Protein backbone atom coordinates (compact mmCIF):
# COMPACT_ATOMS: atom_id res chain seq x y z
CA MET A 1 50.42 -24.23 -21.17
CA ILE A 2 52.94 -26.98 -21.76
CA ILE A 3 55.15 -27.36 -18.72
CA ASP A 4 58.30 -28.06 -20.81
CA ASP A 5 57.97 -24.46 -21.99
CA PHE A 6 57.46 -22.98 -18.48
CA VAL A 7 59.36 -19.74 -18.16
CA GLY A 8 59.66 -16.84 -15.82
CA ARG A 9 58.04 -18.03 -12.58
CA ASP A 10 61.01 -19.34 -10.64
CA ALA A 11 60.80 -16.73 -7.88
CA GLU A 12 57.09 -17.39 -7.41
CA ALA A 13 57.62 -21.15 -7.32
CA ARG A 14 60.38 -20.83 -4.66
CA LEU A 15 58.08 -18.57 -2.54
CA ILE A 16 55.25 -21.17 -2.65
CA LEU A 17 57.59 -23.95 -1.71
CA ALA A 18 58.89 -21.86 1.20
CA ASN A 19 55.33 -21.33 2.35
CA VAL A 20 54.55 -25.04 2.17
CA GLU A 21 57.68 -25.84 4.24
CA ASN A 22 56.41 -23.31 6.82
CA LYS A 23 52.90 -24.79 6.76
CA ARG A 24 51.45 -21.60 5.10
CA SER A 25 48.85 -21.54 2.37
CA SER A 26 49.42 -19.61 -0.88
CA LEU A 27 46.89 -17.82 -3.10
CA ILE A 28 48.03 -17.23 -6.69
CA ILE A 29 46.25 -14.19 -8.08
CA ALA A 30 46.43 -13.46 -11.80
CA GLU A 31 44.28 -12.71 -14.85
CA ALA A 32 43.47 -15.46 -17.35
CA GLY A 33 46.44 -16.63 -19.39
CA LEU A 34 49.22 -15.46 -17.02
CA GLY A 35 50.10 -18.98 -15.88
CA LYS A 36 48.22 -19.75 -12.64
CA SER A 37 47.45 -23.31 -13.62
CA ALA A 38 50.82 -23.85 -15.21
CA LEU A 39 52.57 -22.71 -12.07
CA ILE A 40 50.62 -25.16 -9.92
CA GLU A 41 51.27 -28.00 -12.34
CA PHE A 42 54.97 -26.98 -12.47
CA ILE A 43 55.47 -27.14 -8.72
CA ALA A 44 53.30 -30.26 -8.17
CA PRO A 45 56.26 -32.75 -8.31
CA LEU A 46 58.07 -30.59 -5.77
CA LEU A 47 55.05 -30.40 -3.50
CA GLN A 48 54.90 -34.23 -3.45
CA THR A 49 58.32 -34.26 -1.70
CA GLU A 50 56.82 -32.08 1.06
CA GLY A 51 53.69 -34.07 1.81
CA ARG A 52 50.85 -36.07 0.37
CA LEU A 53 49.45 -34.04 -2.57
CA ILE A 54 45.76 -33.84 -3.41
CA VAL A 55 44.84 -32.07 -6.69
CA SER A 56 41.45 -30.37 -7.26
CA THR A 57 40.30 -28.50 -10.38
CA ARG A 58 37.79 -26.08 -8.82
CA VAL A 59 35.66 -25.36 -5.78
CA GLY A 60 32.49 -24.71 -7.73
CA PRO A 61 30.01 -24.57 -9.17
CA GLY A 62 29.13 -27.99 -7.75
CA PHE A 63 30.75 -28.37 -4.31
CA THR A 64 29.96 -32.11 -4.56
CA ASN A 65 32.56 -32.46 -7.34
CA PHE A 66 35.22 -30.79 -5.21
CA LEU A 67 34.46 -33.14 -2.34
CA LYS A 68 34.71 -36.11 -4.63
CA GLU A 69 38.20 -34.96 -5.79
CA VAL A 70 39.33 -34.57 -2.22
CA PHE A 71 38.00 -38.04 -1.41
CA GLU A 72 39.76 -39.47 -4.43
CA GLY A 73 43.07 -37.91 -3.40
CA LEU A 74 42.80 -39.37 0.09
CA TRP A 75 41.81 -42.69 -1.42
CA HIS A 76 44.95 -42.75 -3.61
CA HIS A 77 47.05 -42.12 -0.51
CA GLY A 78 45.31 -44.97 1.30
CA LEU A 79 43.70 -42.76 3.90
CA ILE A 80 40.06 -43.90 3.61
CA PRO A 81 39.01 -46.35 6.32
CA ASN A 82 38.22 -49.87 5.13
CA GLN A 83 39.00 -48.95 1.53
CA SER A 84 39.18 -51.55 -1.22
CA LYS A 85 40.96 -51.55 -4.55
CA ASP A 86 37.82 -50.25 -6.28
CA PHE A 87 37.56 -46.43 -6.08
CA ALA A 88 34.11 -46.24 -7.65
CA GLU A 89 32.67 -48.70 -5.21
CA ASP A 90 34.35 -47.08 -2.21
CA TYR A 91 33.09 -43.64 -3.17
CA LYS A 92 29.60 -44.96 -3.71
CA ASN A 93 29.53 -46.68 -0.32
CA TRP A 94 31.04 -43.60 1.39
CA SER A 95 28.47 -41.26 -0.22
CA LYS A 96 25.59 -43.47 0.98
CA THR A 97 26.63 -42.98 4.62
CA LYS A 98 26.64 -39.13 4.29
CA ARG A 99 23.28 -37.39 3.98
CA ASN A 100 24.57 -34.16 2.51
CA ASN A 101 27.70 -32.21 1.55
CA ASP A 102 28.08 -30.90 5.11
CA GLU A 103 28.53 -34.43 6.44
CA LYS A 104 30.90 -35.25 3.56
CA ALA A 105 33.01 -32.21 4.12
CA GLN A 106 33.14 -32.80 7.91
CA ASN A 107 34.33 -36.35 7.41
CA LEU A 108 37.04 -35.29 4.84
CA VAL A 109 38.35 -32.54 7.16
CA GLY A 110 38.66 -35.09 9.94
CA LEU A 111 40.65 -37.45 7.73
CA ILE A 112 42.93 -34.62 6.64
CA GLU A 113 43.63 -33.56 10.19
CA LYS A 114 44.55 -37.11 11.10
CA ALA A 115 46.96 -37.36 8.14
CA ALA A 116 48.64 -34.04 9.15
CA ASP A 117 50.81 -33.84 6.01
CA ILE A 118 48.21 -33.10 3.26
CA ILE A 119 48.88 -30.46 0.66
CA LEU A 120 45.79 -29.54 -1.31
CA THR A 121 45.90 -27.56 -4.62
CA ILE A 122 42.87 -25.90 -6.21
CA ASP A 123 43.23 -24.73 -9.78
CA ASP A 124 40.27 -22.36 -9.52
CA ALA A 125 39.22 -21.15 -6.10
CA GLY A 126 36.56 -18.82 -7.40
CA ASN A 127 32.79 -19.56 -7.24
CA LEU A 128 32.74 -19.86 -3.45
CA SER A 129 29.15 -20.19 -2.16
CA THR A 130 27.71 -19.39 1.21
CA THR A 131 27.49 -23.14 1.91
CA SER A 132 30.97 -24.10 0.72
CA ARG A 133 32.87 -21.14 2.15
CA PRO A 134 32.74 -22.28 5.81
CA TRP A 135 34.05 -25.65 4.92
CA LEU A 136 36.82 -24.24 2.71
CA ILE A 137 37.99 -22.30 5.77
CA LYS A 138 38.19 -25.55 7.73
CA PHE A 139 40.13 -27.16 4.82
CA VAL A 140 42.71 -24.35 4.90
CA GLU A 141 42.92 -24.62 8.68
CA SER A 142 43.56 -28.39 8.55
CA CYS A 143 46.14 -28.58 5.69
CA VAL A 144 48.39 -26.51 3.44
CA LEU A 145 46.44 -25.21 0.52
CA VAL A 146 47.80 -23.75 -2.77
CA ALA A 147 44.98 -22.13 -4.80
CA ALA A 148 44.61 -19.88 -7.78
CA ILE A 149 42.06 -17.21 -8.51
CA ASP A 150 41.18 -14.47 -10.89
CA PRO A 151 41.42 -10.90 -9.41
CA ILE A 152 37.74 -10.25 -10.14
CA ALA A 153 36.65 -13.33 -8.25
CA LEU A 154 38.83 -12.25 -5.37
CA LYS A 155 36.48 -9.26 -4.82
CA LYS A 156 33.40 -11.36 -4.29
CA ALA A 157 31.40 -10.27 -1.30
CA GLY A 158 31.66 -12.13 1.93
CA THR A 159 34.98 -13.94 1.07
CA LYS A 160 37.51 -11.60 2.80
CA ARG A 161 37.92 -13.84 5.86
CA PHE A 162 38.72 -16.79 3.67
CA TRP A 163 41.38 -14.96 1.59
CA LYS A 164 43.08 -13.71 4.83
CA LEU A 165 44.09 -17.34 5.51
CA PHE A 166 46.49 -17.21 2.55
CA ASP A 167 49.71 -15.48 1.63
CA GLU A 168 48.84 -13.68 -1.56
CA LEU A 169 51.07 -14.02 -4.61
CA ARG A 170 50.22 -11.88 -7.71
CA LEU A 171 51.53 -12.89 -11.12
CA ALA A 172 52.55 -10.06 -13.45
CA PRO A 173 52.92 -10.42 -17.28
CA LEU A 174 56.25 -11.91 -18.42
CA SER A 175 59.07 -9.43 -18.89
CA LYS A 176 60.45 -8.80 -22.37
CA PRO A 177 63.43 -11.20 -21.89
CA GLU A 178 61.14 -13.87 -20.43
CA SER A 179 58.66 -13.50 -23.34
CA VAL A 180 61.51 -13.83 -25.84
CA GLU A 181 62.80 -16.96 -24.06
CA LEU A 182 59.36 -18.52 -24.10
CA LEU A 183 58.72 -17.55 -27.67
CA ASP A 184 62.01 -19.17 -28.77
CA LYS A 185 60.96 -22.43 -27.09
CA LEU A 186 57.53 -22.34 -28.76
CA ILE A 187 59.03 -21.62 -32.13
CA SER A 188 61.24 -24.67 -31.76
CA ARG A 189 58.41 -26.87 -30.35
CA TYR A 190 56.01 -26.01 -33.16
CA SER A 191 58.69 -25.89 -35.86
CA VAL A 192 57.76 -22.41 -37.05
CA THR A 193 59.38 -21.29 -40.37
CA THR A 194 59.20 -17.85 -41.87
CA ASP A 195 61.14 -15.65 -44.30
CA ASP A 196 61.57 -12.92 -41.71
CA LEU A 197 61.95 -14.38 -38.26
CA GLU A 198 62.58 -11.06 -36.51
CA ILE A 199 59.44 -9.42 -37.88
CA TYR A 200 57.53 -12.58 -36.86
CA LYS A 201 58.88 -12.44 -33.33
CA ARG A 202 58.14 -8.70 -32.94
CA SER A 203 54.57 -9.23 -34.11
CA VAL A 204 53.92 -12.10 -31.71
CA LEU A 205 55.50 -10.18 -28.76
CA ASP A 206 53.46 -6.98 -29.55
CA LEU A 207 50.24 -8.95 -29.72
CA ALA A 208 50.80 -11.13 -26.62
CA HIS A 209 51.76 -8.38 -24.18
CA GLY A 210 53.67 -10.74 -21.92
CA ASN A 211 50.72 -13.20 -21.65
CA PRO A 212 52.23 -16.74 -21.90
CA PHE A 213 48.91 -18.30 -22.97
CA GLU A 214 48.58 -15.73 -25.78
CA LEU A 215 52.15 -16.45 -26.87
CA GLN A 216 51.40 -20.07 -27.18
CA ARG A 217 48.04 -19.52 -28.95
CA LEU A 218 49.60 -17.16 -31.49
CA VAL A 219 52.48 -19.51 -32.29
CA LYS A 220 50.38 -22.70 -32.37
CA TYR A 221 47.27 -21.58 -34.18
CA HIS A 222 48.30 -18.58 -36.40
CA SER A 223 50.37 -18.86 -39.55
CA SER A 224 53.73 -17.06 -39.56
CA GLU A 225 52.82 -15.40 -42.86
CA ALA A 226 49.66 -13.86 -41.42
CA LEU A 227 51.53 -12.55 -38.40
CA VAL A 228 54.35 -11.04 -40.48
CA LYS A 229 51.82 -9.43 -42.78
CA SER A 230 49.94 -7.97 -39.80
CA ARG A 231 53.24 -6.51 -38.47
CA GLU A 232 53.87 -4.81 -41.82
CA VAL A 233 50.35 -3.41 -41.87
CA ILE A 234 50.70 -2.10 -38.28
CA SER A 235 54.06 -0.59 -38.99
CA GLY A 236 52.71 1.15 -42.08
CA THR A 237 49.79 2.49 -40.12
CA HIS A 238 52.10 3.80 -37.42
CA SER A 239 54.23 5.60 -40.01
CA PHE A 240 51.13 7.37 -41.39
CA VAL A 241 49.97 8.26 -37.89
CA ASP A 242 53.50 9.60 -37.09
CA ARG A 243 53.43 11.67 -40.29
CA ASP A 244 50.01 13.11 -39.36
CA VAL A 245 51.20 13.97 -35.88
CA ARG A 246 54.25 15.78 -37.23
CA GLN A 247 52.16 17.71 -39.74
CA LEU A 248 49.71 18.73 -37.00
CA ALA A 249 52.62 19.89 -34.86
CA LEU A 250 54.06 21.93 -37.76
CA ALA A 251 50.79 23.50 -38.93
CA PRO A 252 50.61 26.18 -36.15
CA ILE A 253 54.18 27.23 -36.83
CA LEU A 254 53.52 27.68 -40.55
CA LEU A 255 50.32 29.56 -39.74
CA ILE A 256 52.12 32.00 -37.43
CA PHE A 257 54.93 32.51 -39.95
CA SER A 258 52.40 33.25 -42.67
CA ALA A 259 50.60 35.74 -40.46
CA PHE A 260 53.81 37.60 -39.78
CA VAL A 261 54.63 37.81 -43.51
CA VAL A 262 51.17 39.13 -44.40
CA ALA A 263 51.20 41.56 -41.50
CA GLY A 264 54.70 42.78 -42.49
CA ARG A 265 53.68 43.53 -46.04
CA TYR A 266 50.55 45.46 -44.79
CA ILE A 267 52.60 47.51 -42.36
CA ALA A 268 55.28 48.21 -44.98
CA ARG A 269 52.65 49.63 -47.40
CA VAL A 270 51.04 51.74 -44.69
CA GLN A 271 54.33 53.22 -43.45
CA GLY A 272 56.08 53.17 -46.82
CA ASP A 273 59.04 51.20 -45.35
CA MET A 274 60.73 49.46 -48.28
CA ASP A 275 63.02 47.42 -45.99
CA ILE A 276 60.13 45.72 -44.23
CA TYR A 277 58.36 45.28 -47.53
CA VAL A 278 61.40 43.51 -49.07
CA LEU A 279 61.87 41.31 -45.99
CA SER A 280 58.18 40.35 -46.13
CA ALA A 281 58.46 39.49 -49.82
CA ILE A 282 61.50 37.29 -49.08
CA GLY A 283 59.63 35.55 -46.27
CA LEU A 284 56.66 34.89 -48.59
CA GLY A 285 59.01 33.45 -51.19
CA LEU A 286 60.62 31.16 -48.67
CA LEU A 287 57.21 29.96 -47.48
CA VAL A 288 56.14 29.14 -51.08
CA ILE A 289 59.44 27.35 -51.81
CA PHE A 290 59.87 25.28 -48.60
CA SER A 291 56.29 24.24 -47.93
CA PRO A 292 56.27 21.52 -50.68
CA LEU A 293 59.69 20.36 -49.48
CA LEU A 294 58.42 20.04 -45.84
CA ARG A 295 55.43 18.10 -47.07
CA THR A 296 57.64 15.63 -48.95
CA ALA A 297 59.90 15.22 -45.88
CA LEU A 298 56.95 14.33 -43.73
CA LYS A 299 55.76 11.50 -46.01
CA PRO A 300 56.30 8.00 -44.50
CA ARG A 301 59.16 5.97 -45.90
CA SER A 302 58.35 3.28 -48.32
CA LYS A 303 58.29 -0.27 -46.95
C-alpha cells in the first residue's frame, strides 16, 4: 500500500508511539490486506525520533536472514565494534567469528542492550521456530519491538509466552467513510475515468469490504467499465432475488385465501346458503382478477 494514500489508522499509530515512549512493545494483529505493513512503514519516520530504528522483514523461515538484518541495522547506526565502511566485509568477518545462530543472536542482543535506545520493527513475526523463539524473547526484553502478525499465526503452539511481552493492537477493516476517503485518493492517483462514477465507487466498496489492499488492487488493476458492469449485473441479480423472496412470502397467503373460497362454495352448496355462495363466488373472481396484477407488481424494475 502506498503511504501517501494511508487512511484510517491514526488512533493505532498514536497508540504505538505512546507505547514506544513508555518502552513497551506493540504487536499489530490483522488479516492480510488490512494494513499491518503500511502502518509500520507509516510510523517509521516518527519512530526514528524516539530512538535508533532497525527494520526487519520477517523472523522466518531462515532465522539467519533476520539476524543479518539486525546486524545491518546496528551497522548503519555505527554500533558494530571495529566496523569499517564496507558492510559486506564487516558482516563476513563477523559471521566467521560466530559458530552458529545462537552465538550471533547472543552477540546482537548484547550490542542492543549497550545501545539502550534501539527500536526494532518486524513486518512479519510469524514462523517462529523452537530455536528462534527464545532469542526473540531476549530481543523484546532488550529493546522496544513493533511487530505485525496474522491472527492464524498468533495461535501457533508454544508461542504464548512470547506474545505476552507485547501490547496487542488489532486492526479492523476500514469504516465506510474511511474506505470512501481512501477510494477517492486512489481514483485521483490512478486517474480513473468512468461514465458513472457513483456506480463505480459502490462496486469497488462492495467488493473490497473495508480492506485497503483490495481497494488499491481493484482500482489499480481492474477497468472501471468492468466494475460498473459487474455492479449492474449484481444489482439485477439482487432485484430478481428480491422478487422471488416476495413471491415466496405471498404464496402461502394466496393459498390460504383460495382454500377459504373453495371451502365456502362447498359449505354453501351443502347448506343451501346463497349468501355464502355469492361471497365465495366474489372471492374467486377477485382471486382470478388480482393474481396477474400481483405477479406484474412483483417483477423487477427495468434497469
